[in-house]
Amino acid sequence: MTRDPLRPPTTRVRSAISQAVGKLDRVNGRLAFAEFTLSAHLKIAAEGDQDLARKLLEKAEGGCLVSASLACPVKLTEKDVSW
């Protein structure tokens, strides 16, 4: 089966789990988030889609509205893709 070059590639995600851990610090006498560390775990339908799934995770990390809106660093440290 040949993929249509005008149609973006797709991958079937069977499950997606993410976890966020926030670090608190005192700023001007008040508690505030100093940083967030994220991990993402995807289960995909086919082994051959691993590279595409990783690229999608990186794209999601770079375009995340929530991360861009926070006043502290957000790091995606773990990107696990399995099938």
Protein backbone atom coordinates (compact mmCIF):
# COMPACT_ATOMS: atom_id res chain seq x y z
CA MET A 1 0.00 0.00 0.00
CA THR A 2 1.44 3.36 -1.05
CA ARG A 3 0.98 6.42 1.12
CA ASP A 4 -0.44 9.57 -0.49
CA PRO A 5 2.44 12.12 -0.36
CA LEU A 6 -0.02 14.99 0.19
CA ARG A 7 -1.49 13.38 3.28
CA PRO A 8 0.51 13.62 6.52
CA PRO A 9 1.64 10.29 8.02
CA THR A 10 -0.47 8.87 10.84
CA THR A 11 0.20 6.42 13.60
CA ARG A 12 -2.31 4.63 15.81
CA VAL A 13 -1.80 5.31 19.50
CA ARG A 14 -3.12 2.51 21.71
CA SER A 15 -2.49 4.37 24.96
CA ALA A 16 -0.79 7.53 26.20
CA ILE A 17 0.34 8.16 29.75
CA SER A 18 2.04 11.32 30.95
CA GLN A 19 3.31 12.38 34.34
CA ALA A 20 4.31 15.81 35.61
CA VAL A 21 6.38 16.54 38.71
CA GLY A 22 6.55 20.13 39.90
CA LYS A 23 9.26 21.64 42.09
CA LEU A 24 8.21 24.42 44.48
CA ASP A 25 10.39 27.29 45.65
CA ARG A 26 9.87 30.53 47.56
CA VAL A 27 9.73 33.62 45.36
CA ASN A 28 9.23 36.97 47.10
CA GLY A 29 8.07 35.14 50.23
CA ARG A 30 5.45 33.08 48.38
CA LEU A 31 5.46 29.53 47.09
CA ALA A 32 5.75 29.24 43.32
CA PHE A 33 6.63 26.53 40.86
CA ALA A 34 10.33 26.58 40.01
CA GLU A 35 10.22 23.88 37.32
CA PHE A 36 8.25 20.97 35.93
CA THR A 37 9.64 17.65 34.76
CA LEU A 38 7.46 15.65 32.39
CA SER A 39 7.54 12.08 31.16
CA ALA A 40 5.48 10.61 28.33
CA HIS A 41 4.84 6.96 27.50
CA LEU A 42 3.10 5.99 24.26
CA LYS A 43 1.93 2.55 23.16
CA ILE A 44 1.50 2.41 19.41
CA ALA A 45 -0.11 -0.20 17.18
CA ALA A 46 2.93 -1.04 14.99
CA GLU A 47 6.65 -1.29 15.66
CA GLY A 48 7.47 0.56 12.44
CA ASP A 49 5.76 3.73 13.72
CA GLN A 50 8.26 4.32 16.57
CA ASP A 51 10.24 7.06 14.82
CA LEU A 52 7.09 8.90 13.82
CA ALA A 53 5.71 8.62 17.37
CA ARG A 54 8.93 10.09 18.81
CA LYS A 55 8.78 12.96 16.31
CA LEU A 56 5.18 13.62 17.34
CA LEU A 57 6.22 13.75 21.01
CA GLU A 58 8.97 16.26 20.18
CA LYS A 59 6.53 18.36 18.15
CA ALA A 60 4.02 18.31 21.02
CA GLU A 61 6.74 19.37 23.45
CA GLY A 62 7.76 22.34 21.30
CA GLY A 63 4.21 23.54 20.65
CA CYS A 64 2.66 23.06 24.09
CA LEU A 65 0.51 26.07 25.02
CA VAL A 66 0.56 25.19 28.72
CA SER A 67 4.38 24.95 28.83
CA ALA A 68 4.73 28.23 26.94
CA SER A 69 2.36 29.94 29.40
CA LEU A 70 4.27 28.98 32.55
CA ALA A 71 6.86 31.25 34.15
CA CYS A 72 9.20 28.33 34.92
CA PRO A 73 11.14 25.80 32.84
CA VAL A 74 9.37 22.67 31.64
CA LYS A 75 11.53 19.67 30.66
CA LEU A 76 10.38 16.51 28.91
CA THR A 77 12.95 14.07 30.24
CA GLU A 78 11.51 10.70 29.30
CA LYS A 79 9.97 9.80 25.96
CA ASP A 80 9.11 6.12 25.87
CA VAL A 81 7.49 4.57 22.80
CA SER A 82 6.55 0.89 22.68
CA TRP A 83 4.15 -1.30 20.73
